[in-house]
Amino acid sequence: MNKLLYASLFAFYITACSPSGYIRKTARRELTGNDVLKNAHTGISIYDAGKAKHLYRYQSDKYFVPASNTKIFSLYAGLKYLGDSITGIRYRETTDSLILYPAGDPTLLHPDFKRQPVIDQLKGSTKIIALDTSGWKEEIFAPGWGWDDYNSSYMPERSALPVYGNVIKWIQYQETAQPSLSFISEPEIDWPVRFIQDSSVKQFEVIRSRNENLFYIKEGKEKYKEQQVPFITNGAGSAIELLKNSIGKTIVPIASPANMASLRPIYTQHADSLFQP
């Protein structure tokens, strides 16, 4: 009898102290004792790839909106395929032209990345600059996005040549010596802006038109406030316009397909400097 009891206790101890036992115990405590999780739609799936078995599962067969969990897969894909440095753009040269082929680099003119090798090369070139985006076949939004989130900073459009993160930063501020508020955009744009006068508005807000780069500004009470608003990419049209303002040169859109292996890359950022933020 004692041997059986000891064996049972030993088995219980081993199970409780194993990774799966610890995870199970912790998960049950959180799921039953956390007021936020009690009534939430919650699922857990922890898989040991080395042993090819699940350590713990709770409602893992339910459907969930993945949200920020997709960042884990994005990071893994970047580590596996992007290498040490990010390809900012690919190009080829003719006697009179510099023909660009976008690589989807999200850091082009992004304010978090001060080093801009692509911009430096474009500014230094004396040739006609042309841009071919004919290889881009994706939609501006992935499946599942709520259409009415288009004005939110987390929902910029996807494009072949993202610039400034495909968002405009709007700033309302009050200078010390001035009683009135001022408004600026980063980058500066030539797109139409409308001011909405409404004394009941307390907070600064910028709302973009659903189908065009027309921005409505509501003046708030704050002395300083920022808001990032995605712009409509119009294929590569908006990028070409903003790049032109940045480098001071005209960029000609063309369709001139090329063998990617024959193109020369311009590398921009070290991959880890992109993954970290």
C-alpha atoms as a PDB file:
ATOM      1  CA  MET A   1       0.000   0.000   0.000  1.00  0.00           C
ATOM      2  CA  ASN A   2       2.765   2.422   0.905  1.00  0.00           C
ATOM      3  CA  LYS A   3       4.650   1.577  -2.286  1.00  0.00           C
ATOM      4  CA  LEU A   4       1.551   2.323  -4.332  1.00  0.00           C
ATOM      5  CA  LEU A   5       1.019   5.597  -2.483  1.00  0.00           C
ATOM      6  CA  TYR A   6       4.639   6.625  -2.973  1.00  0.00           C
ATOM      7  CA  ALA A   7       4.472   5.739  -6.662  1.00  0.00           C
ATOM      8  CA  SER A   8       1.307   7.810  -7.077  1.00  0.00           C
ATOM      9  CA  LEU A   9       2.808  10.764  -5.255  1.00  0.00           C
ATOM     10  CA  PHE A  10       5.993  10.465  -7.301  1.00  0.00           C
ATOM     11  CA  ALA A  11       4.017  10.372 -10.557  1.00  0.00           C
ATOM     12  CA  PHE A  12       1.997  13.383  -9.431  1.00  0.00           C
ATOM     13  CA  TYR A  13       5.170  15.251  -8.494  1.00  0.00           C
ATOM     14  CA  ILE A  14       6.846  14.490 -11.832  1.00  0.00           C
ATOM     15  CA  THR A  15       3.739  15.552 -13.743  1.00  0.00           C
ATOM     16  CA  ALA A  16       3.314  18.730 -11.720  1.00  0.00           C
ATOM     17  CA  CYS A  17       6.972  19.688 -12.097  1.00  0.00           C
ATOM     18  CA  SER A  18       7.214  18.899 -15.810  1.00  0.00           C
ATOM     19  CA  PRO A  19       6.977  21.807 -18.282  1.00  0.00           C
ATOM     20  CA  SER A  20       3.513  20.714 -19.387  1.00  0.00           C
ATOM     21  CA  GLY A  21       2.383  20.284 -15.780  1.00  0.00           C
ATOM     22  CA  TYR A  22       3.659  23.708 -14.797  1.00  0.00           C
ATOM     23  CA  ILE A  23       2.047  25.317 -17.845  1.00  0.00           C
ATOM     24  CA  ARG A  24      -1.249  23.557 -17.175  1.00  0.00           C
ATOM     25  CA  LYS A  25      -1.279  24.633 -13.539  1.00  0.00           C
ATOM     26  CA  THR A  26      -0.394  28.234 -14.381  1.00  0.00           C
ATOM     27  CA  ALA A  27      -2.937  28.425 -17.193  1.00  0.00           C
ATOM     28  CA  ARG A  28      -5.755  27.075 -15.023  1.00  0.00           C
ATOM     29  CA  ARG A  29      -4.936  29.564 -12.284  1.00  0.00           C
ATOM     30  CA  GLU A  30      -4.985  32.483 -14.744  1.00  0.00           C
ATOM     31  CA  LEU A  31      -8.061  31.333 -16.632  1.00  0.00           C
ATOM     32  CA  THR A  32     -10.129  30.843 -13.485  1.00  0.00           C
ATOM     33  CA  GLY A  33      -8.719  33.606 -11.295  1.00  0.00           C
ATOM     34  CA  ASN A  34      -8.294  36.467 -13.754  1.00  0.00           C
ATOM     35  CA  ASP A  35     -11.473  38.555 -13.998  1.00  0.00           C
ATOM     36  CA  VAL A  36     -10.544  39.752 -17.472  1.00  0.00           C
ATOM     37  CA  LEU A  37     -10.069  36.211 -18.819  1.00  0.00           C
ATOM     38  CA  LYS A  38     -13.049  34.590 -17.117  1.00  0.00           C
ATOM     39  CA  ASN A  39     -15.540  35.687 -19.748  1.00  0.00           C
ATOM     40  CA  ALA A  40     -13.094  36.313 -22.578  1.00  0.00           C
ATOM     41  CA  HIS A  41     -12.762  34.292 -25.768  1.00  0.00           C
ATOM     42  CA  THR A  42      -9.378  32.775 -24.918  1.00  0.00           C
ATOM     43  CA  GLY A  43      -7.297  30.054 -26.526  1.00  0.00           C
ATOM     44  CA  ILE A  44      -3.863  28.613 -25.782  1.00  0.00           C
ATOM     45  CA  SER A  45      -1.715  26.290 -27.864  1.00  0.00           C
ATOM     46  CA  ILE A  46       1.885  25.575 -26.815  1.00  0.00           C
ATOM     47  CA  TYR A  47       3.750  23.128 -29.022  1.00  0.00           C
ATOM     48  CA  ASP A  48       7.191  21.578 -28.519  1.00  0.00           C
ATOM     49  CA  ALA A  49       8.592  21.434 -32.053  1.00  0.00           C
ATOM     50  CA  GLY A  50      11.580  19.350 -30.948  1.00  0.00           C
ATOM     51  CA  LYS A  51       9.434  16.594 -29.431  1.00  0.00           C
ATOM     52  CA  ALA A  52       6.598  17.076 -31.940  1.00  0.00           C
ATOM     53  CA  LYS A  53       3.918  17.239 -29.275  1.00  0.00           C
ATOM     54  CA  HIS A  54       1.671  19.756 -27.587  1.00  0.00           C
ATOM     55  CA  LEU A  55       2.619  20.834 -24.080  1.00  0.00           C
ATOM     56  CA  TYR A  56      -0.744  22.441 -23.447  1.00  0.00           C
ATOM     57  CA  ARG A  57      -3.946  23.218 -25.307  1.00  0.00           C
ATOM     58  CA  TYR A  58      -7.022  25.133 -24.250  1.00  0.00           C
ATOM     59  CA  GLN A  59      -9.732  25.891 -26.828  1.00  0.00           C
ATOM     60  CA  SER A  60      -7.023  25.646 -29.472  1.00  0.00           C
ATOM     61  CA  ASP A  61      -9.579  24.402 -32.012  1.00  0.00           C
ATOM     62  CA  LYS A  62     -11.543  27.676 -31.835  1.00  0.00           C
ATOM     63  CA  TYR A  63     -11.241  30.457 -34.398  1.00  0.00           C
ATOM     64  CA  PHE A  64      -9.572  33.700 -33.326  1.00  0.00           C
ATOM     65  CA  VAL A  65      -8.598  36.949 -35.023  1.00  0.00           C
ATOM     66  CA  PRO A  66      -4.786  36.619 -34.914  1.00  0.00           C
ATOM     67  CA  ALA A  67      -4.034  40.344 -34.435  1.00  0.00           C
ATOM     68  CA  SER A  68      -0.547  41.043 -33.062  1.00  0.00           C
ATOM     69  CA  ASN A  69       0.306  37.344 -32.851  1.00  0.00           C
ATOM     70  CA  THR A  70       1.096  37.586 -36.563  1.00  0.00           C
ATOM     71  CA  LYS A  71       4.167  39.637 -35.619  1.00  0.00           C
ATOM     72  CA  ILE A  72       5.743  36.425 -34.362  1.00  0.00           C
ATOM     73  CA  PHE A  73       5.422  34.825 -37.793  1.00  0.00           C
ATOM     74  CA  SER A  74       6.547  38.025 -39.528  1.00  0.00           C
ATOM     75  CA  LEU A  75       9.672  38.105 -37.383  1.00  0.00           C
ATOM     76  CA  TYR A  76      10.396  34.460 -38.095  1.00  0.00           C
ATOM     77  CA  ALA A  77       9.961  34.972 -41.842  1.00  0.00           C
ATOM     78  CA  GLY A  78      12.258  38.000 -41.730  1.00  0.00           C
ATOM     79  CA  LEU A  79      14.956  36.138 -39.816  1.00  0.00           C
ATOM     80  CA  LYS A  80      14.762  33.221 -42.238  1.00  0.00           C
ATOM     81  CA  TYR A  81      14.619  35.021 -45.580  1.00  0.00           C
ATOM     82  CA  LEU A  82      15.798  38.635 -45.407  1.00  0.00           C
ATOM     83  CA  GLY A  83      19.405  38.024 -44.444  1.00  0.00           C
ATOM     84  CA  ASP A  84      21.665  40.478 -42.664  1.00  0.00           C
ATOM     85  CA  SER A  85      20.512  43.632 -44.478  1.00  0.00           C
ATOM     86  CA  ILE A  86      17.312  44.902 -46.034  1.00  0.00           C
ATOM     87  CA  THR A  87      17.161  45.371 -49.794  1.00  0.00           C
ATOM     88  CA  GLY A  88      15.866  48.911 -50.218  1.00  0.00           C
ATOM     89  CA  ILE A  89      15.488  48.813 -53.961  1.00  0.00           C
ATOM     90  CA  ARG A  90      16.888  47.093 -57.049  1.00  0.00           C
ATOM     91  CA  TYR A  91      17.953  48.952 -60.171  1.00  0.00           C
ATOM     92  CA  ARG A  92      19.585  48.818 -63.559  1.00  0.00           C
ATOM     93  CA  GLU A  93      21.200  51.572 -65.577  1.00  0.00           C
ATOM     94  CA  THR A  94      21.077  52.493 -69.223  1.00  0.00           C
ATOM     95  CA  THR A  95      23.071  55.216 -70.920  1.00  0.00           C
ATOM     96  CA  ASP A  96      20.613  57.881 -69.812  1.00  0.00           C
ATOM     97  CA  SER A  97      18.315  56.290 -67.196  1.00  0.00           C
ATOM     98  CA  LEU A  98      18.284  54.783 -63.720  1.00  0.00           C
ATOM     99  CA  ILE A  99      15.427  52.276 -63.630  1.00  0.00           C
ATOM    100  CA  LEU A 100      14.158  51.330 -60.175  1.00  0.00           C
ATOM    101  CA  TYR A 101      12.406  48.124 -59.086  1.00  0.00           C
ATOM    102  CA  PRO A 102      10.847  48.345 -55.588  1.00  0.00           C
ATOM    103  CA  ALA A 103      11.604  45.702 -52.972  1.00  0.00           C
ATOM    104  CA  GLY A 104       8.906  46.670 -50.456  1.00  0.00           C
ATOM    105  CA  ASP A 105      11.370  48.184 -47.966  1.00  0.00           C
ATOM    106  CA  PRO A 106       9.231  49.746 -45.190  1.00  0.00           C
ATOM    107  CA  THR A 107      12.042  52.065 -44.025  1.00  0.00           C
ATOM    108  CA  LEU A 108      12.177  54.351 -47.079  1.00  0.00           C
ATOM    109  CA  LEU A 109      11.879  57.920 -45.742  1.00  0.00           C
ATOM    110  CA  HIS A 110      10.501  56.508 -42.484  1.00  0.00           C
ATOM    111  CA  PRO A 111      11.286  59.018 -39.708  1.00  0.00           C
ATOM    112  CA  ASP A 112      12.616  56.266 -37.409  1.00  0.00           C
ATOM    113  CA  PHE A 113      15.456  55.554 -39.857  1.00  0.00           C
ATOM    114  CA  LYS A 114      17.780  58.485 -40.420  1.00  0.00           C
ATOM    115  CA  ARG A 115      20.116  56.589 -42.753  1.00  0.00           C
ATOM    116  CA  GLN A 116      18.590  56.604 -46.259  1.00  0.00           C
ATOM    117  CA  PRO A 117      20.962  55.064 -48.863  1.00  0.00           C
ATOM    118  CA  VAL A 118      18.287  54.924 -51.591  1.00  0.00           C
ATOM    119  CA  ILE A 119      17.550  58.635 -51.251  1.00  0.00           C
ATOM    120  CA  ASP A 120      21.265  59.451 -51.243  1.00  0.00           C
ATOM    121  CA  GLN A 121      21.800  57.570 -54.505  1.00  0.00           C
ATOM    122  CA  LEU A 122      18.773  59.117 -56.192  1.00  0.00           C
ATOM    123  CA  LYS A 123      19.871  62.601 -55.207  1.00  0.00           C
ATOM    124  CA  GLY A 124      23.367  61.938 -56.538  1.00  0.00           C
ATOM    125  CA  SER A 125      22.281  60.548 -59.900  1.00  0.00           C
ATOM    126  CA  THR A 126      22.313  62.773 -62.989  1.00  0.00           C
ATOM    127  CA  LYS A 127      20.246  60.337 -65.048  1.00  0.00           C
ATOM    128  CA  ILE A 128      16.515  60.153 -65.693  1.00  0.00           C
ATOM    129  CA  ILE A 129      14.910  58.220 -62.848  1.00  0.00           C
ATOM    130  CA  ALA A 130      12.241  55.703 -63.838  1.00  0.00           C
ATOM    131  CA  LEU A 131      10.157  53.389 -61.665  1.00  0.00           C
ATOM    132  CA  ASP A 132       8.699  50.006 -62.635  1.00  0.00           C
ATOM    133  CA  THR A 133       6.062  48.587 -60.234  1.00  0.00           C
ATOM    134  CA  SER A 134       4.531  46.146 -62.717  1.00  0.00           C
ATOM    135  CA  GLY A 135       5.674  43.200 -60.585  1.00  0.00           C
ATOM    136  CA  TRP A 136       3.408  44.212 -57.688  1.00  0.00           C
ATOM    137  CA  LYS A 137       0.249  42.075 -57.671  1.00  0.00           C
ATOM    138  CA  GLU A 138      -1.086  42.448 -54.115  1.00  0.00           C
ATOM    139  CA  GLU A 139      -4.209  44.239 -52.906  1.00  0.00           C
ATOM    140  CA  ILE A 140      -3.833  47.289 -50.639  1.00  0.00           C
ATOM    141  CA  PHE A 141      -5.363  45.378 -47.696  1.00  0.00           C
ATOM    142  CA  ALA A 142      -5.026  41.754 -46.685  1.00  0.00           C
ATOM    143  CA  PRO A 143      -8.205  39.676 -46.231  1.00  0.00           C
ATOM    144  CA  GLY A 144     -10.079  40.294 -43.006  1.00  0.00           C
ATOM    145  CA  TRP A 145      -9.360  43.990 -42.405  1.00  0.00           C
ATOM    146  CA  GLY A 146     -12.356  46.083 -41.351  1.00  0.00           C
ATOM    147  CA  TRP A 147     -12.879  48.653 -44.107  1.00  0.00           C
ATOM    148  CA  ASP A 148     -13.800  51.429 -41.649  1.00  0.00           C
ATOM    149  CA  ASP A 149     -10.369  51.262 -39.963  1.00  0.00           C
ATOM    150  CA  TYR A 150      -8.786  52.952 -42.984  1.00  0.00           C
ATOM    151  CA  ASN A 151      -8.169  56.170 -41.011  1.00  0.00           C
ATOM    152  CA  SER A 152      -6.298  54.412 -38.192  1.00  0.00           C
ATOM    153  CA  SER A 153      -2.509  54.568 -37.924  1.00  0.00           C
ATOM    154  CA  TYR A 154      -2.227  50.781 -37.703  1.00  0.00           C
ATOM    155  CA  MET A 155      -3.867  50.286 -41.107  1.00  0.00           C
ATOM    156  CA  PRO A 156      -1.663  51.837 -43.800  1.00  0.00           C
ATOM    157  CA  GLU A 157      -2.117  50.440 -47.279  1.00  0.00           C
ATOM    158  CA  ARG A 158       0.274  47.838 -48.653  1.00  0.00           C
ATOM    159  CA  SER A 159       2.218  48.975 -51.685  1.00  0.00           C
ATOM    160  CA  ALA A 160       5.255  48.165 -53.814  1.00  0.00           C
ATOM    161  CA  LEU A 161       7.089  51.290 -52.707  1.00  0.00           C
ATOM    162  CA  PRO A 162       6.045  52.368 -49.205  1.00  0.00           C
ATOM    163  CA  VAL A 163       7.273  55.829 -48.204  1.00  0.00           C
ATOM    164  CA  TYR A 164       7.023  57.439 -44.757  1.00  0.00           C
ATOM    165  CA  GLY A 165       5.380  54.192 -43.623  1.00  0.00           C
ATOM    166  CA  ASN A 166       2.470  55.153 -45.936  1.00  0.00           C
ATOM    167  CA  VAL A 167       1.156  57.552 -43.294  1.00  0.00           C
ATOM    168  CA  ILE A 168       1.093  61.309 -42.823  1.00  0.00           C
ATOM    169  CA  LYS A 169       1.848  62.648 -39.349  1.00  0.00           C
ATOM    170  CA  TRP A 170      -0.324  65.647 -38.531  1.00  0.00           C
ATOM    171  CA  ILE A 171       0.661  67.965 -35.693  1.00  0.00           C
ATOM    172  CA  GLN A 172      -1.342  70.605 -33.868  1.00  0.00           C
ATOM    173  CA  TYR A 173       0.784  72.909 -31.724  1.00  0.00           C
ATOM    174  CA  GLN A 174       0.820  76.291 -30.085  1.00  0.00           C
ATOM    175  CA  GLU A 175       3.912  78.454 -30.174  1.00  0.00           C
ATOM    176  CA  THR A 176       4.785  80.197 -26.914  1.00  0.00           C
ATOM    177  CA  ALA A 177       4.407  83.720 -28.283  1.00  0.00           C
ATOM    178  CA  GLN A 178       1.299  82.997 -30.360  1.00  0.00           C
ATOM    179  CA  PRO A 179      -2.256  82.658 -29.005  1.00  0.00           C
ATOM    180  CA  SER A 180      -3.510  80.725 -32.051  1.00  0.00           C
ATOM    181  CA  LEU A 181      -2.809  77.118 -32.941  1.00  0.00           C
ATOM    182  CA  SER A 182      -0.692  76.010 -35.889  1.00  0.00           C
ATOM    183  CA  PHE A 183      -0.912  72.850 -37.988  1.00  0.00           C
ATOM    184  CA  ILE A 184       1.750  71.048 -39.990  1.00  0.00           C
ATOM    185  CA  SER A 185       2.121  67.711 -41.723  1.00  0.00           C
ATOM    186  CA  GLU A 186       5.175  65.498 -41.945  1.00  0.00           C
ATOM    187  CA  PRO A 187       5.952  65.170 -44.791  1.00  0.00           C
ATOM    188  CA  GLU A 188       4.583  68.345 -46.295  1.00  0.00           C
ATOM    189  CA  ILE A 189       1.933  67.560 -48.887  1.00  0.00           C
ATOM    190  CA  ASP A 190       0.130  69.278 -51.729  1.00  0.00           C
ATOM    191  CA  TRP A 191      -3.084  67.342 -51.178  1.00  0.00           C
ATOM    192  CA  PRO A 192      -6.265  69.220 -50.224  1.00  0.00           C
ATOM    193  CA  VAL A 193      -7.031  70.013 -46.585  1.00  0.00           C
ATOM    194  CA  ARG A 194     -10.312  71.245 -45.116  1.00  0.00           C
ATOM    195  CA  PHE A 195     -10.739  72.720 -41.621  1.00  0.00           C
ATOM    196  CA  ILE A 196     -13.931  71.911 -39.746  1.00  0.00           C
ATOM    197  CA  GLN A 197     -15.082  74.663 -37.418  1.00  0.00           C
ATOM    198  CA  ASP A 198     -16.969  73.200 -34.475  1.00  0.00           C
ATOM    199  CA  SER A 199     -16.846  74.780 -31.016  1.00  0.00           C
ATOM    200  CA  SER A 200     -18.010  71.531 -29.403  1.00  0.00           C
ATOM    201  CA  VAL A 201     -14.875  69.666 -30.522  1.00  0.00           C
ATOM    202  CA  LYS A 202     -12.444  69.154 -27.635  1.00  0.00           C
ATOM    203  CA  GLN A 203      -9.800  66.934 -29.218  1.00  0.00           C
ATOM    204  CA  PHE A 204      -7.631  67.424 -32.274  1.00  0.00           C
ATOM    205  CA  GLU A 205      -8.568  64.988 -35.016  1.00  0.00           C
ATOM    206  CA  VAL A 206      -7.729  64.436 -38.678  1.00  0.00           C
ATOM    207  CA  ILE A 207     -10.056  62.382 -40.855  1.00  0.00           C
ATOM    208  CA  ARG A 208      -9.152  61.383 -44.388  1.00  0.00           C
ATOM    209  CA  SER A 209     -11.785  61.021 -47.053  1.00  0.00           C
ATOM    210  CA  ARG A 210     -12.565  57.370 -47.722  1.00  0.00           C
ATOM    211  CA  ASN A 211     -11.689  57.460 -51.427  1.00  0.00           C
ATOM    212  CA  GLU A 212      -9.176  60.277 -51.904  1.00  0.00           C
ATOM    213  CA  ASN A 213      -6.298  62.055 -50.208  1.00  0.00           C
ATOM    214  CA  LEU A 214      -8.499  64.809 -48.831  1.00  0.00           C
ATOM    215  CA  PHE A 215      -7.967  65.515 -45.128  1.00  0.00           C
ATOM    216  CA  TYR A 216     -10.437  67.118 -42.724  1.00  0.00           C
ATOM    217  CA  ILE A 217      -8.898  68.751 -39.648  1.00  0.00           C
ATOM    218  CA  LYS A 218     -10.802  69.368 -36.422  1.00  0.00           C
ATOM    219  CA  GLU A 219      -9.036  71.836 -34.143  1.00  0.00           C
ATOM    220  CA  GLY A 220      -8.750  70.602 -30.572  1.00  0.00           C
ATOM    221  CA  LYS A 221      -7.961  72.215 -27.234  1.00  0.00           C
ATOM    222  CA  GLU A 222      -4.517  70.600 -26.872  1.00  0.00           C
ATOM    223  CA  LYS A 223      -1.387  72.741 -27.051  1.00  0.00           C
ATOM    224  CA  TYR A 224       0.397  69.842 -28.731  1.00  0.00           C
ATOM    225  CA  LYS A 225      -1.079  66.748 -30.329  1.00  0.00           C
ATOM    226  CA  GLU A 226      -0.006  64.315 -33.042  1.00  0.00           C
ATOM    227  CA  GLN A 227      -1.990  61.933 -35.203  1.00  0.00           C
ATOM    228  CA  GLN A 228      -0.845  59.564 -37.928  1.00  0.00           C
ATOM    229  CA  VAL A 229      -3.268  59.012 -40.801  1.00  0.00           C
ATOM    230  CA  PRO A 230      -2.711  56.566 -43.689  1.00  0.00           C
ATOM    231  CA  PHE A 231      -2.801  58.008 -47.177  1.00  0.00           C
ATOM    232  CA  ILE A 232      -4.148  56.420 -50.345  1.00  0.00           C
ATOM    233  CA  THR A 233      -1.182  55.005 -52.238  1.00  0.00           C
ATOM    234  CA  ASN A 234      -2.792  55.125 -55.697  1.00  0.00           C
ATOM    235  CA  GLY A 235      -0.559  52.306 -56.848  1.00  0.00           C
ATOM    236  CA  ALA A 236       2.811  54.053 -56.899  1.00  0.00           C
ATOM    237  CA  GLY A 237       1.315  57.476 -57.605  1.00  0.00           C
ATOM    238  CA  SER A 238       1.508  58.881 -54.080  1.00  0.00           C
ATOM    239  CA  ALA A 239       4.993  57.465 -53.542  1.00  0.00           C
ATOM    240  CA  ILE A 240       6.242  59.068 -56.754  1.00  0.00           C
ATOM    241  CA  GLU A 241       4.794  62.412 -55.704  1.00  0.00           C
ATOM    242  CA  LEU A 242       6.299  62.289 -52.209  1.00  0.00           C
ATOM    243  CA  LEU A 243       9.656  61.051 -53.508  1.00  0.00           C
ATOM    244  CA  LYS A 244       9.739  63.882 -56.018  1.00  0.00           C
ATOM    245  CA  ASN A 245       9.285  66.378 -53.185  1.00  0.00           C
ATOM    246  CA  SER A 246      12.056  64.681 -51.193  1.00  0.00           C
ATOM    247  CA  ILE A 247      14.755  64.396 -53.864  1.00  0.00           C
ATOM    248  CA  GLY A 248      13.717  67.358 -56.004  1.00  0.00           C
ATOM    249  CA  LYS A 249      13.563  65.273 -59.185  1.00  0.00           C
ATOM    250  CA  THR A 250      10.867  63.920 -61.463  1.00  0.00           C
ATOM    251  CA  ILE A 251      10.318  60.158 -61.394  1.00  0.00           C
ATOM    252  CA  VAL A 252       8.840  58.583 -64.513  1.00  0.00           C
ATOM    253  CA  PRO A 253       6.535  55.535 -64.093  1.00  0.00           C
ATOM    254  CA  ILE A 254       7.244  52.861 -66.704  1.00  0.00           C
ATOM    255  CA  ALA A 255       6.671  49.165 -67.358  1.00  0.00           C
ATOM    256  CA  SER A 256      10.024  47.596 -68.126  1.00  0.00           C
ATOM    257  CA  PRO A 257      10.138  44.057 -66.669  1.00  0.00           C
ATOM    258  CA  ALA A 258      13.597  42.696 -65.965  1.00  0.00           C
ATOM    259  CA  ASN A 259      15.267  39.561 -64.684  1.00  0.00           C
ATOM    260  CA  MET A 260      15.552  40.159 -60.942  1.00  0.00           C
ATOM    261  CA  ALA A 261      18.842  38.259 -60.797  1.00  0.00           C
ATOM    262  CA  SER A 262      20.419  40.789 -63.140  1.00  0.00           C
ATOM    263  CA  LEU A 263      19.509  43.815 -61.029  1.00  0.00           C
ATOM    264  CA  ARG A 264      21.808  45.576 -58.591  1.00  0.00           C
ATOM    265  CA  PRO A 265      20.525  46.016 -55.013  1.00  0.00           C
ATOM    266  CA  ILE A 266      20.835  49.000 -52.731  1.00  0.00           C
ATOM    267  CA  TYR A 267      20.885  47.817 -49.121  1.00  0.00           C
ATOM    268  CA  THR A 268      19.395  50.122 -46.520  1.00  0.00           C
ATOM    269  CA  GLN A 269      19.147  48.946 -42.898  1.00  0.00           C
ATOM    270  CA  HIS A 270      20.592  46.078 -40.926  1.00  0.00           C
ATOM    271  CA  ALA A 271      17.800  43.584 -40.431  1.00  0.00           C
ATOM    272  CA  ASP A 272      17.924  43.686 -36.622  1.00  0.00           C
ATOM    273  CA  SER A 273      17.424  47.471 -36.636  1.00  0.00           C
ATOM    274  CA  LEU A 274      14.203  46.862 -38.549  1.00  0.00           C
ATOM    275  CA  PHE A 275      12.988  43.943 -36.421  1.00  0.00           C
ATOM    276  CA  GLN A 276      13.529  45.659 -33.085  1.00  0.00           C
ATOM    277  CA  PRO A 277      10.860  48.383 -33.411  1.00  0.00           C
END
